[in-house]
C-alpha cells in the first residue's frame, strides 16, 4: 500500500488503522488521504480555511531537468484548490490513476505570486518543495506549481494564502525561539499568533499584536499534553505496523535524497 503521507505523520497512519471498515481511507497512488466518498481526510489538528469555487487548472513542471530522469509534466484542466492551516491541496475534477491529488506544506511554497496575461485568466504560481513519498522523484528538490483561476476567485485565494503563510512564519519563529519542536502538530488554527508587520513596512496584511512567546508556548505544551492523555497505549502493535514503519523509513530516505539534490 502506498500511504502517500508526510514523514512526520507516520503515527497518524497507525491511529487510522483501527477505524471501522466503512471509514477506511483510499491511499493508493494518492498525495492526499481521501475517504471513500472522495472527501479530504484531514491530518491531526488540520482544518480547511478556504475552498475555491469554479474551475481551477493545475500545472506541475520541473525548473531543472536532472540527467537520466524522465521529464516531469503533470496537468489538470479543472479541479478544486483548498487552503488548510497546514497544507495547500488540489483535487482534480476527473482524477486519473496517474494523478489523483496534490498537496504541499504552506511553508514549502516559496515565491508565490498572482499573475495575469493579456487574454487569459489570472493564475498563481510558486516554487514548491514536494513532500516525501508524494509520487514526485526525490531527484526533483523543487517543482513549479501553477494554479489557473478560470472562473475567478484569485484575489480571495491569494489573500487567504498570504495571511496564513505570514502567521505560520511568525509561529515558526516563536517556536524556534522558545525551543518548541513539531509545533505544527500541536498548535491548532486558533492558536496561531496574528502576524505583526514590521514598523513602517507596507503590506496588505492587517497588523495585530502578537501574543507573548511564553503564552503561545504554554498553549502548545497544553495541547500536546492533552493529546498524550487522550491516547492510550495499545497492548500490541496495530495492524500493518511493520509496513507503516518501513514506509516512514523510505520517506525519510527520499527526503535526504531531495536535500542532497537541492545542495548540488
Protein backbone atom coordinates (compact mmCIF):
# COMPACT_ATOMS: atom_id res chain seq x y z
CA UNK A 1 0.00 0.00 0.00
CA UNK A 2 1.27 3.44 -0.89
CA UNK A 3 0.37 5.63 2.08
CA UNK A 4 1.45 8.90 0.41
CA UNK A 5 1.73 10.82 3.68
CA UNK A 6 4.19 13.29 5.16
CA UNK A 7 7.04 11.70 7.10
CA UNK A 8 6.12 13.35 10.35
CA UNK A 9 2.63 11.84 10.25
CA UNK A 10 3.63 8.17 10.34
CA UNK A 11 1.95 7.87 13.73
CA UNK A 12 -1.28 9.10 12.20
CA UNK A 13 -1.22 6.14 9.81
CA UNK A 14 -1.15 3.80 12.78
CA UNK A 15 -4.01 5.54 14.56
CA UNK A 16 -6.20 5.31 11.46
CA UNK A 17 -5.71 1.55 11.07
CA UNK A 18 -8.20 0.79 13.86
CA UNK A 19 -11.11 2.65 12.27
CA UNK A 20 -14.21 0.83 11.02
CA UNK A 21 -14.10 -0.69 7.55
CA UNK A 22 -16.59 1.80 6.12
CA UNK A 23 -14.33 4.68 7.13
CA UNK A 24 -11.15 3.22 5.66
CA UNK A 25 -9.18 5.66 3.51
CA UNK A 26 -8.03 5.25 -0.07
CA UNK A 27 -4.29 5.91 -0.11
CA UNK A 28 -3.31 4.12 -3.31
CA UNK A 29 -1.17 6.34 -5.57
CA UNK A 30 -2.53 9.45 -3.88
CA UNK A 31 -0.80 12.52 -2.46
CA UNK A 32 -3.76 13.31 -0.19
CA UNK A 33 -5.63 10.93 2.08
CA UNK A 34 -9.20 10.68 0.79
CA UNK A 35 -12.21 8.93 2.27
CA UNK A 36 -14.19 6.54 0.12
CA UNK A 37 -16.67 9.35 -0.53
CA UNK A 38 -13.85 11.42 -2.03
CA UNK A 39 -13.57 13.97 0.78
CA UNK A 40 -10.24 15.11 2.23
CA UNK A 41 -9.15 13.11 5.26
CA UNK A 42 -7.59 15.81 7.48
CA UNK A 43 -4.29 15.44 9.27
CA UNK A 44 -4.16 15.88 13.07
CA UNK A 45 -5.27 19.41 14.05
CA UNK A 46 -5.95 20.27 10.39
CA UNK A 47 -8.93 22.35 9.28
CA UNK A 48 -9.96 23.71 5.88
CA UNK A 49 -9.81 27.52 5.79
CA UNK A 50 -10.58 28.20 2.12
CA UNK A 51 -12.10 26.28 -0.80
CA UNK A 52 -12.04 27.69 -4.31
CA UNK A 53 -15.13 27.97 -6.48
CA UNK A 54 -15.29 27.27 -10.18
CA UNK A 55 -12.69 25.58 -12.36
CA UNK A 56 -9.06 25.65 -11.22
CA UNK A 57 -6.38 24.34 -13.58
CA UNK A 58 -3.09 22.90 -12.31
CA UNK A 59 0.34 22.51 -13.86
CA UNK A 60 3.43 20.93 -12.28
CA UNK A 61 6.77 21.20 -14.05
CA UNK A 62 10.43 20.95 -13.05
CA UNK A 63 12.66 24.07 -13.21
CA UNK A 64 15.71 21.88 -13.80
CA UNK A 65 15.81 18.51 -15.53
CA UNK A 66 18.21 16.01 -13.91
CA UNK A 67 20.08 13.76 -16.32
CA UNK A 68 18.63 10.31 -16.76
CA UNK A 69 15.28 11.19 -15.13
CA UNK A 70 12.01 11.28 -17.15
CA UNK A 71 10.69 14.84 -17.59
CA UNK A 72 8.11 15.95 -15.04
CA UNK A 73 4.88 17.34 -16.50
CA UNK A 74 1.55 16.99 -14.68
CA UNK A 75 -1.54 18.90 -15.80
CA UNK A 76 -5.20 19.10 -14.80
CA UNK A 77 -7.74 21.23 -16.66
CA UNK A 78 -10.23 21.54 -13.83
CA UNK A 79 -10.29 20.92 -10.10
CA UNK A 80 -10.61 22.46 -6.65
CA UNK A 81 -7.90 24.05 -4.50
CA UNK A 82 -8.03 24.05 -0.71
CA UNK A 83 -6.07 26.03 1.86
CA UNK A 84 -5.85 24.41 5.29
CA UNK A 85 -3.95 25.58 8.34
CA UNK A 86 -1.15 23.20 7.27
CA UNK A 87 -1.31 22.49 3.55
CA UNK A 88 -2.22 23.63 0.06
CA UNK A 89 -4.31 20.86 -1.53
CA UNK A 90 -5.57 20.31 -5.08
CA UNK A 91 -8.12 17.70 -6.14
CA UNK A 92 -8.77 17.26 -9.89
CA UNK A 93 -12.38 17.14 -11.05
CA UNK A 94 -11.62 13.97 -13.03
CA UNK A 95 -8.93 12.05 -11.13
CA UNK A 96 -6.86 9.53 -13.07
CA UNK A 97 -4.74 6.64 -11.86
CA UNK A 98 -1.61 8.69 -12.57
CA UNK A 99 -2.85 11.84 -10.81
CA UNK A 100 -5.42 11.84 -8.02
CA UNK A 101 -4.34 14.77 -5.87
CA UNK A 102 -1.54 17.12 -4.90
CA UNK A 103 -0.53 18.70 -1.62
CA UNK A 104 2.29 20.82 -0.25
CA UNK A 105 3.04 22.30 3.12
CA UNK A 106 2.16 26.00 3.23
CA UNK A 107 5.70 26.91 4.27
CA UNK A 108 7.02 24.72 1.44
CA UNK A 109 5.61 27.18 -1.13
CA UNK A 110 8.07 29.94 -1.96
CA UNK A 111 7.93 32.99 -4.26
CA UNK A 112 4.16 32.70 -4.63
CA UNK A 113 2.59 35.43 -6.74
CA UNK A 114 -0.60 36.13 -8.68
CA UNK A 115 -0.11 36.93 -12.37
CA UNK A 116 -2.27 37.86 -15.34
CA UNK A 117 -1.97 37.66 -19.09
CA UNK A 118 -3.45 39.90 -21.76
CA UNK A 119 -6.17 37.49 -22.81
CA UNK A 120 -6.14 34.64 -20.29
CA UNK A 121 -7.38 34.26 -16.71
CA UNK A 122 -5.40 35.08 -13.59
CA UNK A 123 -3.01 32.42 -12.37
CA UNK A 124 -0.97 31.84 -9.21
CA UNK A 125 2.50 30.35 -9.39
CA UNK A 126 5.03 29.27 -6.78
CA UNK A 127 8.17 27.20 -6.29
CA UNK A 128 7.12 24.19 -4.23
CA UNK A 129 9.14 21.67 -2.23
CA UNK A 130 7.48 18.24 -2.77
CA UNK A 131 6.53 16.19 0.25
CA UNK A 132 8.31 12.84 0.82
CA UNK A 133 6.67 9.87 -0.90
CA UNK A 134 4.46 12.22 -2.93
CA UNK A 135 4.92 10.40 -6.26
CA UNK A 136 7.49 13.00 -7.38
CA UNK A 137 11.02 11.54 -7.68
CA UNK A 138 13.39 12.82 -4.96
CA UNK A 139 15.77 13.98 -7.72
CA UNK A 140 13.43 16.99 -8.09
CA UNK A 141 14.12 19.12 -4.98
CA UNK A 142 11.60 21.72 -6.18
CA UNK A 143 8.84 21.92 -8.77
CA UNK A 144 6.96 24.82 -10.32
CA UNK A 145 3.27 24.93 -9.38
CA UNK A 146 0.75 26.93 -11.41
CA UNK A 147 -2.93 27.29 -10.49
CA UNK A 148 -5.17 28.91 -13.14
CA UNK A 149 -8.41 30.54 -11.94
CA UNK A 150 -10.67 30.05 -14.96
CA UNK A 151 -13.84 31.26 -13.22
CA UNK A 152 -12.44 33.93 -10.89
CA UNK A 153 -11.69 33.78 -7.18
CA UNK A 154 -7.99 34.57 -7.49
CA UNK A 155 -7.97 37.54 -5.10
CA UNK A 156 -9.71 35.62 -2.29
CA UNK A 157 -7.26 32.74 -2.68
CA UNK A 158 -4.19 34.97 -2.63
CA UNK A 159 -5.42 36.98 0.36
CA UNK A 160 -6.04 33.87 2.47
CA UNK A 161 -2.76 32.22 1.45
CA UNK A 162 -0.61 35.29 2.14
CA UNK A 163 -2.25 35.87 5.52
CA UNK A 164 -1.90 32.25 6.62
CA UNK A 165 1.71 31.92 5.48
CA UNK A 166 2.66 35.07 7.38
CA UNK A 167 1.05 33.70 10.55
CA UNK A 168 2.78 30.33 10.13
CA UNK A 169 6.15 32.04 9.64
CA UNK A 170 5.54 34.06 12.78
CA UNK A 171 4.53 30.95 14.75
CA UNK A 172 7.62 29.11 13.50
CA UNK A 173 9.86 31.95 14.68
CA UNK A 174 8.23 31.94 18.11
CA UNK A 175 8.58 28.15 18.34
CA UNK A 176 12.25 28.33 17.38
CA UNK A 177 12.96 31.00 19.99
CA UNK A 178 11.18 29.01 22.70
CA UNK A 179 12.68 25.63 21.74
CA UNK A 180 9.42 24.06 20.57
CA UNK A 181 9.64 21.10 18.17
CA UNK A 182 6.90 19.64 15.97
CA UNK A 183 4.85 22.73 16.74
CA UNK A 184 2.64 22.30 13.66
CA UNK A 185 1.29 19.05 15.09
CA UNK A 186 0.30 20.58 18.41
CA UNK A 187 -0.88 24.11 17.59
CA UNK A 188 -4.45 24.45 16.33
CA UNK A 189 -5.52 27.12 13.84
CA UNK A 190 -6.98 29.32 16.56
CA UNK A 191 -3.64 29.16 18.40
CA UNK A 192 -1.64 30.60 15.50
CA UNK A 193 -0.47 34.08 16.51
CA UNK A 194 -1.54 37.03 14.42
CA UNK A 195 1.24 38.37 12.24
CA UNK A 196 2.53 41.82 13.14
CA UNK A 197 4.01 43.74 10.21
CA UNK A 198 7.36 45.48 10.85
CA UNK A 199 7.06 49.13 11.85
CA UNK A 200 6.86 51.35 8.80
CA UNK A 201 6.55 48.45 6.37
CA UNK A 202 3.76 48.43 3.83
CA UNK A 203 1.59 45.45 3.11
CA UNK A 204 -1.93 44.20 2.71
CA UNK A 205 -1.92 42.12 5.90
CA UNK A 206 -3.60 43.83 8.88
CA UNK A 207 -1.21 44.26 11.78
CA UNK A 208 -2.25 42.94 15.17
CA UNK A 209 -0.50 42.46 18.45
CA UNK A 210 1.13 39.04 18.67
CA UNK A 211 0.68 37.05 21.88
CA UNK A 212 3.79 36.70 24.06
CA UNK A 213 6.02 33.79 23.13
CA UNK A 214 5.51 32.27 26.58
CA UNK A 215 1.73 32.26 26.06
CA UNK A 216 1.98 30.51 22.70
CA UNK A 217 4.45 28.01 24.16
CA UNK A 218 2.18 27.26 27.11
CA UNK A 219 -0.79 26.64 24.85
CA UNK A 220 1.27 24.39 22.60
CA UNK A 221 2.51 22.40 25.60
CA UNK A 222 -1.04 22.06 26.93
CA UNK A 223 -2.31 20.86 23.53
CA UNK A 224 0.45 18.26 23.38
CA UNK A 225 -0.27 17.15 26.96
CA UNK A 226 -4.00 16.77 26.31
CA UNK A 227 -3.29 14.82 23.14
CA UNK A 228 -0.95 12.49 25.05
CA UNK A 229 -3.52 11.93 27.82
CA UNK A 230 -6.34 11.18 25.36
CA UNK A 231 -4.32 8.50 23.57
CA UNK A 232 -3.98 5.20 25.43
CA UNK A 233 -1.07 2.89 24.68
CA UNK A 234 -2.25 -0.34 22.96
CA UNK A 235 -1.22 -3.74 24.33
CA UNK A 236 0.09 -4.83 20.93
CA UNK A 237 1.15 -3.11 17.70
CA UNK A 238 -1.80 -2.10 15.47
CA UNK A 239 -2.39 -3.79 12.09
CA UNK A 240 0.17 -3.02 9.36
CA UNK A 241 2.59 -1.64 11.99
CA UNK A 242 5.69 -3.05 10.28
CA UNK A 243 4.52 -1.81 6.89
CA UNK A 244 3.93 1.69 8.23
CA UNK A 245 7.35 1.76 9.87
CA UNK A 246 9.02 0.66 6.63
CA UNK A 247 7.09 3.34 4.75
CA UNK A 248 8.25 6.02 7.19
CA UNK A 249 11.90 4.94 6.74
CA UNK A 250 11.51 5.10 2.95
CA UNK A 251 10.05 8.60 3.18
CA UNK A 252 12.96 9.77 5.34
CA UNK A 253 15.41 8.33 2.80
CA UNK A 254 13.63 10.16 -0.05
CA UNK A 255 13.79 13.39 1.93
CA UNK A 256 17.57 13.02 2.38
CA UNK A 257 17.97 12.39 -1.37
CA UNK A 258 15.93 15.51 -2.11
CA UNK A 259 18.06 17.61 0.24
CA UNK A 260 21.25 16.32 -1.38
CA UNK A 261 19.89 17.11 -4.86
CA UNK A 262 18.97 20.63 -3.72
CA UNK A 263 22.51 21.27 -2.43
CA UNK A 264 24.08 20.29 -5.76
